[in-house]
Amino acid sequence: MVTDEELKEIVASIAVEHRELVVAQKETDRQLKETDHQLKETDRQLKAQTKETDRQLKAQAVEAEHDRREMKKSNRELGKQIGGLANKFGSFTEGLALPSMQQILRSQFNMEVVSPSVRVKKGDEELEIDVLSYANGTLNEVYVVEVKSHLRDEGVDQLSDIVNRFRHFFPEHKDKKLYGIMAAVEMSNRLKERVLSKGFYAAKISDEVFSIDVPAQFQPKAY
């Protein structure tokens, strides 16, 4: 049989355990609340970071698009500058060739008329000649001169095209013998041989003056 003293001890022990349980429960609740707060804070930070990342990505996309447009614009400008430079250099070469070429055509070939930069149009067709020169009378010859800074195969083809189409654009010269002259600042040996094989005169530059550069046995072709 439990004595009163033992009963008091049991009740006191239960009371202590209850208080400890209440304290432990409160600590658990506090920890849960703290954990919940930390989770909410972490979620808030993640959302903020995601939002900032999205903002940065959008800003980078806008900047990349701007850079792309600027580069495209710069490329267009560069293309214009390169084209302009090429035109200027071409004009410079033609201008360099003209005085000495006039002298060659008049003194060596006895030409009466020397005309630079001749452009003619018939319907939808056009023909452009760097230098056109001719003589009437007993000589009755015409020369077309193509001027290049750096001669390529396309330049030789261009001169061939000019002489082949010439009489269509200049019927008034249909009875004249037609000759071609290729004048270039730089002309490789291979291209020079190709020029000569077509019966065209080759002209080279030395000390800013063009001169005819053909072998002694060269026979020009009259087109």
C-alpha atoms as a PDB file:
ATOM      1  CA  MET A   1       0.000   0.000   0.000  1.00  0.00           C
ATOM      2  CA  VAL A   2       1.368   3.420  -1.049  1.00  0.00           C
ATOM      3  CA  THR A   3       1.985   5.703   1.836  1.00  0.00           C
ATOM      4  CA  ASP A   4       1.111   9.362   1.823  1.00  0.00           C
ATOM      5  CA  GLU A   5       4.787  10.232   1.613  1.00  0.00           C
ATOM      6  CA  GLU A   6       5.330   8.034  -1.420  1.00  0.00           C
ATOM      7  CA  LEU A   7       2.227   9.461  -3.082  1.00  0.00           C
ATOM      8  CA  LYS A   8       3.528  12.978  -2.549  1.00  0.00           C
ATOM      9  CA  GLU A   9       6.848  12.010  -4.145  1.00  0.00           C
ATOM     10  CA  ILE A  10       5.050  10.482  -7.133  1.00  0.00           C
ATOM     11  CA  VAL A  11       2.908  13.596  -7.614  1.00  0.00           C
ATOM     12  CA  ALA A  12       5.955  15.830  -7.232  1.00  0.00           C
ATOM     13  CA  SER A  13       7.855  13.733  -9.805  1.00  0.00           C
ATOM     14  CA  ILE A  14       4.947  13.913 -12.254  1.00  0.00           C
ATOM     15  CA  ALA A  15       4.764  17.690 -11.772  1.00  0.00           C
ATOM     16  CA  VAL A  16       8.482  18.039 -12.505  1.00  0.00           C
ATOM     17  CA  GLU A  17       8.210  15.886 -15.623  1.00  0.00           C
ATOM     18  CA  HIS A  18       5.203  17.921 -16.781  1.00  0.00           C
ATOM     19  CA  ARG A  19       7.087  21.178 -16.359  1.00  0.00           C
ATOM     20  CA  GLU A  20      10.066  19.751 -18.219  1.00  0.00           C
ATOM     21  CA  LEU A  21       7.727  18.551 -20.985  1.00  0.00           C
ATOM     22  CA  VAL A  22       6.122  21.987 -21.219  1.00  0.00           C
ATOM     23  CA  VAL A  23       9.554  23.628 -21.402  1.00  0.00           C
ATOM     24  CA  ALA A  24      10.687  21.120 -24.043  1.00  0.00           C
ATOM     25  CA  GLN A  25       7.508  21.695 -26.046  1.00  0.00           C
ATOM     26  CA  LYS A  26       8.030  25.452 -25.925  1.00  0.00           C
ATOM     27  CA  GLU A  27      11.637  25.008 -27.089  1.00  0.00           C
ATOM     28  CA  THR A  28      10.448  22.765 -29.904  1.00  0.00           C
ATOM     29  CA  ASP A  29       7.834  25.328 -30.911  1.00  0.00           C
ATOM     30  CA  ARG A  30      10.491  28.059 -30.827  1.00  0.00           C
ATOM     31  CA  GLN A  31      12.850  26.019 -32.962  1.00  0.00           C
ATOM     32  CA  LEU A  32      10.055  25.222 -35.417  1.00  0.00           C
ATOM     33  CA  LYS A  33       9.151  28.899 -35.676  1.00  0.00           C
ATOM     34  CA  GLU A  34      12.816  29.803 -36.149  1.00  0.00           C
ATOM     35  CA  THR A  35      13.184  27.112 -38.810  1.00  0.00           C
ATOM     36  CA  ASP A  36      10.036  28.352 -40.538  1.00  0.00           C
ATOM     37  CA  HIS A  37      11.409  31.899 -40.431  1.00  0.00           C
ATOM     38  CA  GLN A  38      14.720  30.736 -41.871  1.00  0.00           C
ATOM     39  CA  LEU A  39      12.920  28.831 -44.635  1.00  0.00           C
ATOM     40  CA  LYS A  40      10.827  31.870 -45.465  1.00  0.00           C
ATOM     41  CA  GLU A  41      13.950  34.059 -45.475  1.00  0.00           C
ATOM     42  CA  THR A  42      15.763  31.571 -47.694  1.00  0.00           C
ATOM     43  CA  ASP A  43      12.777  31.492 -50.042  1.00  0.00           C
ATOM     44  CA  ARG A  44      12.693  35.286 -50.093  1.00  0.00           C
ATOM     45  CA  GLN A  45      16.414  35.458 -50.863  1.00  0.00           C
ATOM     46  CA  LEU A  46      16.061  32.850 -53.629  1.00  0.00           C
ATOM     47  CA  LYS A  47      13.198  34.789 -55.174  1.00  0.00           C
ATOM     48  CA  ALA A  48      15.212  37.994 -54.916  1.00  0.00           C
ATOM     49  CA  GLN A  49      18.254  36.298 -56.470  1.00  0.00           C
ATOM     50  CA  THR A  50      16.096  34.807 -59.244  1.00  0.00           C
ATOM     51  CA  LYS A  51      14.575  38.214 -59.904  1.00  0.00           C
ATOM     52  CA  GLU A  52      18.033  39.812 -59.994  1.00  0.00           C
ATOM     53  CA  THR A  53      19.311  37.049 -62.278  1.00  0.00           C
ATOM     54  CA  ASP A  54      16.358  37.589 -64.620  1.00  0.00           C
ATOM     55  CA  ARG A  55      17.032  41.317 -64.573  1.00  0.00           C
ATOM     56  CA  GLN A  56      20.727  40.769 -65.363  1.00  0.00           C
ATOM     57  CA  LEU A  57      19.896  38.301 -68.158  1.00  0.00           C
ATOM     58  CA  LYS A  58      17.429  40.744 -69.678  1.00  0.00           C
ATOM     59  CA  ALA A  59      19.978  43.551 -69.384  1.00  0.00           C
ATOM     60  CA  GLN A  60      22.635  41.350 -71.003  1.00  0.00           C
ATOM     61  CA  ALA A  61      20.217  40.416 -73.788  1.00  0.00           C
ATOM     62  CA  VAL A  62      19.457  44.094 -74.412  1.00  0.00           C
ATOM     63  CA  GLU A  63      23.185  44.915 -74.363  1.00  0.00           C
ATOM     64  CA  ALA A  64      23.975  41.998 -76.691  1.00  0.00           C
ATOM     65  CA  GLU A  65      21.299  43.156 -79.136  1.00  0.00           C
ATOM     66  CA  HIS A  66      22.671  46.693 -78.956  1.00  0.00           C
ATOM     67  CA  ASP A  67      26.211  45.404 -79.560  1.00  0.00           C
ATOM     68  CA  ARG A  68      24.952  43.296 -82.489  1.00  0.00           C
ATOM     69  CA  ARG A  69      23.288  46.309 -84.071  1.00  0.00           C
ATOM     70  CA  GLU A  70      26.357  48.466 -83.471  1.00  0.00           C
ATOM     71  CA  MET A  71      28.605  45.802 -84.996  1.00  0.00           C
ATOM     72  CA  LYS A  72      26.295  45.501 -88.000  1.00  0.00           C
ATOM     73  CA  LYS A  73      26.363  49.269 -88.361  1.00  0.00           C
ATOM     74  CA  SER A  74      30.160  49.314 -87.991  1.00  0.00           C
ATOM     75  CA  ASN A  75      30.496  46.568 -90.607  1.00  0.00           C
ATOM     76  CA  ARG A  76      28.354  48.585 -93.014  1.00  0.00           C
ATOM     77  CA  GLU A  77      30.475  51.670 -92.377  1.00  0.00           C
ATOM     78  CA  LEU A  78      33.661  49.643 -92.772  1.00  0.00           C
ATOM     79  CA  GLY A  79      32.347  48.228 -96.039  1.00  0.00           C
ATOM     80  CA  LYS A  80      31.639  51.742 -97.276  1.00  0.00           C
ATOM     81  CA  GLN A  81      35.113  52.894 -96.212  1.00  0.00           C
ATOM     82  CA  ILE A  82      36.792  49.929 -97.880  1.00  0.00           C
ATOM     83  CA  GLY A  83      34.712  50.475-101.000  1.00  0.00           C
ATOM     84  CA  GLY A  84      35.548  54.153-100.956  1.00  0.00           C
ATOM     85  CA  LEU A  85      39.222  53.385-100.461  1.00  0.00           C
ATOM     86  CA  ALA A  86      39.147  50.942-103.356  1.00  0.00           C
ATOM     87  CA  ASN A  87      37.443  53.539-105.552  1.00  0.00           C
ATOM     88  CA  LYS A  88      39.960  56.179-104.529  1.00  0.00           C
ATOM     89  CA  PHE A  89      42.874  53.835-105.209  1.00  0.00           C
ATOM     90  CA  GLY A  90      41.380  52.848-108.545  1.00  0.00           C
ATOM     91  CA  SER A  91      40.915  56.502-109.465  1.00  0.00           C
ATOM     92  CA  PHE A  92      44.474  57.197-108.338  1.00  0.00           C
ATOM     93  CA  THR A  93      45.802  54.389-110.537  1.00  0.00           C
ATOM     94  CA  GLU A  94      43.814  55.565-113.547  1.00  0.00           C
ATOM     95  CA  GLY A  95      44.955  59.132-112.938  1.00  0.00           C
ATOM     96  CA  LEU A  96      48.527  57.924-112.670  1.00  0.00           C
ATOM     97  CA  ALA A  97      48.217  56.010-115.927  1.00  0.00           C
ATOM     98  CA  LEU A  98      46.578  58.706-118.026  1.00  0.00           C
ATOM     99  CA  PRO A  99      49.471  61.145-118.722  1.00  0.00           C
ATOM    100  CA  SER A 100      51.971  58.414-119.617  1.00  0.00           C
ATOM    101  CA  MET A 101      49.322  56.428-121.496  1.00  0.00           C
ATOM    102  CA  GLN A 102      48.441  59.521-123.539  1.00  0.00           C
ATOM    103  CA  GLN A 103      52.112  59.861-124.432  1.00  0.00           C
ATOM    104  CA  ILE A 104      52.329  56.174-125.419  1.00  0.00           C
ATOM    105  CA  LEU A 105      49.183  56.302-127.538  1.00  0.00           C
ATOM    106  CA  ARG A 106      50.219  59.473-129.334  1.00  0.00           C
ATOM    107  CA  SER A 107      53.935  58.840-129.833  1.00  0.00           C
ATOM    108  CA  GLN A 108      54.105  55.047-130.202  1.00  0.00           C
ATOM    109  CA  PHE A 109      50.744  54.338-131.832  1.00  0.00           C
ATOM    110  CA  ASN A 110      50.114  57.695-133.557  1.00  0.00           C
ATOM    111  CA  MET A 111      46.639  58.083-132.097  1.00  0.00           C
ATOM    112  CA  GLU A 112      44.799  61.348-132.729  1.00  0.00           C
ATOM    113  CA  VAL A 113      42.129  61.167-129.996  1.00  0.00           C
ATOM    114  CA  VAL A 114      42.690  60.024-126.388  1.00  0.00           C
ATOM    115  CA  SER A 115      39.629  59.969-124.116  1.00  0.00           C
ATOM    116  CA  PRO A 116      39.732  58.803-120.470  1.00  0.00           C
ATOM    117  CA  SER A 117      36.782  57.276-118.576  1.00  0.00           C
ATOM    118  CA  VAL A 118      34.448  56.641-121.499  1.00  0.00           C
ATOM    119  CA  ARG A 119      30.981  55.355-120.584  1.00  0.00           C
ATOM    120  CA  VAL A 120      28.345  54.457-123.147  1.00  0.00           C
ATOM    121  CA  LYS A 121      24.860  53.005-122.740  1.00  0.00           C
ATOM    122  CA  LYS A 122      22.548  51.310-125.216  1.00  0.00           C
ATOM    123  CA  GLY A 123      19.192  50.303-123.828  1.00  0.00           C
ATOM    124  CA  ASP A 124      19.867  48.290-120.683  1.00  0.00           C
ATOM    125  CA  GLU A 125      23.481  47.583-121.669  1.00  0.00           C
ATOM    126  CA  GLU A 126      26.485  49.624-120.582  1.00  0.00           C
ATOM    127  CA  LEU A 127      30.160  49.657-121.435  1.00  0.00           C
ATOM    128  CA  GLU A 128      32.901  51.452-119.517  1.00  0.00           C
ATOM    129  CA  ILE A 129      36.396  51.999-120.894  1.00  0.00           C
ATOM    130  CA  ASP A 130      39.249  53.456-118.839  1.00  0.00           C
ATOM    131  CA  VAL A 131      40.955  54.982-121.891  1.00  0.00           C
ATOM    132  CA  LEU A 132      39.659  55.039-125.478  1.00  0.00           C
ATOM    133  CA  SER A 133      41.938  56.195-128.275  1.00  0.00           C
ATOM    134  CA  TYR A 134      41.663  56.165-132.048  1.00  0.00           C
ATOM    135  CA  ALA A 135      42.992  57.565-135.299  1.00  0.00           C
ATOM    136  CA  ASN A 136      41.139  57.965-138.568  1.00  0.00           C
ATOM    137  CA  GLY A 137      42.583  58.268-142.052  1.00  0.00           C
ATOM    138  CA  THR A 138      45.121  55.824-143.386  1.00  0.00           C
ATOM    139  CA  LEU A 139      45.962  54.419-139.925  1.00  0.00           C
ATOM    140  CA  ASN A 140      42.319  53.729-139.024  1.00  0.00           C
ATOM    141  CA  GLU A 141      42.925  52.033-135.652  1.00  0.00           C
ATOM    142  CA  VAL A 142      41.328  52.137-132.201  1.00  0.00           C
ATOM    143  CA  TYR A 143      42.821  51.168-128.827  1.00  0.00           C
ATOM    144  CA  VAL A 144      41.013  50.399-125.573  1.00  0.00           C
ATOM    145  CA  VAL A 145      43.040  50.548-122.361  1.00  0.00           C
ATOM    146  CA  GLU A 146      42.043  48.788-119.142  1.00  0.00           C
ATOM    147  CA  VAL A 147      43.841  50.041-116.014  1.00  0.00           C
ATOM    148  CA  LYS A 148      44.235  47.960-112.832  1.00  0.00           C
ATOM    149  CA  SER A 149      46.139  48.435-109.592  1.00  0.00           C
ATOM    150  CA  HIS A 150      46.476  44.671-108.964  1.00  0.00           C
ATOM    151  CA  LEU A 151      45.702  42.604-112.048  1.00  0.00           C
ATOM    152  CA  ARG A 152      43.662  39.431-111.583  1.00  0.00           C
ATOM    153  CA  ASP A 153      42.176  36.982-114.067  1.00  0.00           C
ATOM    154  CA  GLU A 154      38.900  38.890-113.882  1.00  0.00           C
ATOM    155  CA  GLY A 155      40.684  41.958-115.244  1.00  0.00           C
ATOM    156  CA  VAL A 156      41.890  40.057-118.306  1.00  0.00           C
ATOM    157  CA  ASP A 157      38.375  38.697-118.808  1.00  0.00           C
ATOM    158  CA  GLN A 158      37.031  42.237-118.511  1.00  0.00           C
ATOM    159  CA  LEU A 159      39.293  43.536-121.279  1.00  0.00           C
ATOM    160  CA  SER A 160      38.294  40.578-123.476  1.00  0.00           C
ATOM    161  CA  ASP A 161      34.645  41.397-122.864  1.00  0.00           C
ATOM    162  CA  ILE A 162      35.213  45.055-123.767  1.00  0.00           C
ATOM    163  CA  VAL A 163      36.856  44.314-127.124  1.00  0.00           C
ATOM    164  CA  ASN A 164      34.206  41.709-127.965  1.00  0.00           C
ATOM    165  CA  ARG A 165      31.340  44.120-127.254  1.00  0.00           C
ATOM    166  CA  PHE A 166      33.072  47.258-128.545  1.00  0.00           C
ATOM    167  CA  ARG A 167      31.602  47.431-132.056  1.00  0.00           C
ATOM    168  CA  HIS A 168      28.078  46.992-130.706  1.00  0.00           C
ATOM    169  CA  PHE A 169      28.494  50.205-128.729  1.00  0.00           C
ATOM    170  CA  PHE A 170      30.696  52.031-131.237  1.00  0.00           C
ATOM    171  CA  PRO A 171      29.436  51.182-134.735  1.00  0.00           C
ATOM    172  CA  GLU A 172      31.176  54.314-136.009  1.00  0.00           C
ATOM    173  CA  HIS A 173      34.487  52.451-135.479  1.00  0.00           C
ATOM    174  CA  LYS A 174      33.362  49.217-137.144  1.00  0.00           C
ATOM    175  CA  ASP A 175      35.920  49.520-139.955  1.00  0.00           C
ATOM    176  CA  LYS A 176      38.880  50.215-137.656  1.00  0.00           C
ATOM    177  CA  LYS A 177      41.350  47.648-136.379  1.00  0.00           C
ATOM    178  CA  LEU A 178      40.747  47.216-132.645  1.00  0.00           C
ATOM    179  CA  TYR A 179      43.563  46.570-130.138  1.00  0.00           C
ATOM    180  CA  GLY A 180      43.623  46.117-126.361  1.00  0.00           C
ATOM    181  CA  ILE A 181      46.140  47.352-123.793  1.00  0.00           C
ATOM    182  CA  MET A 182      46.267  46.055-120.216  1.00  0.00           C
ATOM    183  CA  ALA A 183      48.006  48.510-117.873  1.00  0.00           C
ATOM    184  CA  ALA A 184      48.615  47.413-114.274  1.00  0.00           C
ATOM    185  CA  VAL A 185      50.691  48.527-111.315  1.00  0.00           C
ATOM    186  CA  GLU A 186      51.146  44.885-110.299  1.00  0.00           C
ATOM    187  CA  MET A 187      50.990  42.107-112.900  1.00  0.00           C
ATOM    188  CA  SER A 188      52.270  38.579-112.237  1.00  0.00           C
ATOM    189  CA  ASN A 189      54.268  36.769-114.911  1.00  0.00           C
ATOM    190  CA  ARG A 190      51.428  34.272-115.314  1.00  0.00           C
ATOM    191  CA  LEU A 191      48.874  36.985-115.949  1.00  0.00           C
ATOM    192  CA  LYS A 192      51.246  38.838-118.251  1.00  0.00           C
ATOM    193  CA  GLU A 193      51.567  35.677-120.350  1.00  0.00           C
ATOM    194  CA  ARG A 194      47.780  35.383-120.420  1.00  0.00           C
ATOM    195  CA  VAL A 195      47.447  39.008-121.529  1.00  0.00           C
ATOM    196  CA  LEU A 196      49.987  38.501-124.308  1.00  0.00           C
ATOM    197  CA  SER A 197      48.397  35.194-125.388  1.00  0.00           C
ATOM    198  CA  LYS A 198      45.178  37.079-126.129  1.00  0.00           C
ATOM    199  CA  GLY A 199      47.080  39.521-128.307  1.00  0.00           C
ATOM    200  CA  PHE A 200      46.770  42.408-125.842  1.00  0.00           C
ATOM    201  CA  TYR A 201      49.615  44.781-125.127  1.00  0.00           C
ATOM    202  CA  ALA A 202      50.907  44.719-121.525  1.00  0.00           C
ATOM    203  CA  ALA A 203      51.943  47.960-119.841  1.00  0.00           C
ATOM    204  CA  LYS A 204      53.900  48.180-116.586  1.00  0.00           C
ATOM    205  CA  ILE A 205      54.674  51.101-114.300  1.00  0.00           C
ATOM    206  CA  SER A 206      58.127  52.368-113.364  1.00  0.00           C
ATOM    207  CA  ASP A 207      58.824  55.629-111.518  1.00  0.00           C
ATOM    208  CA  GLU A 208      55.103  56.467-111.738  1.00  0.00           C
ATOM    209  CA  VAL A 209      55.181  56.182-115.543  1.00  0.00           C
ATOM    210  CA  PHE A 210      53.585  53.414-117.618  1.00  0.00           C
ATOM    211  CA  SER A 211      55.455  51.864-120.529  1.00  0.00           C
ATOM    212  CA  ILE A 212      54.629  49.073-122.976  1.00  0.00           C
ATOM    213  CA  ASP A 213      56.176  45.791-121.783  1.00  0.00           C
ATOM    214  CA  VAL A 214      56.103  43.152-124.527  1.00  0.00           C
ATOM    215  CA  PRO A 215      58.732  40.799-125.981  1.00  0.00           C
ATOM    216  CA  ALA A 216      60.362  41.696-129.300  1.00  0.00           C
ATOM    217  CA  GLN A 217      58.523  38.933-131.170  1.00  0.00           C
ATOM    218  CA  PHE A 218      55.101  39.950-129.845  1.00  0.00           C
ATOM    219  CA  GLN A 219      52.360  40.266-132.442  1.00  0.00           C
ATOM    220  CA  PRO A 220      49.244  42.138-131.277  1.00  0.00           C
ATOM    221  CA  LYS A 221      45.847  40.800-132.256  1.00  0.00           C
ATOM    222  CA  ALA A 222      43.472  43.038-134.178  1.00  0.00           C
ATOM    223  CA  TYR A 223      39.895  42.388-133.063  1.00  0.00           C
END
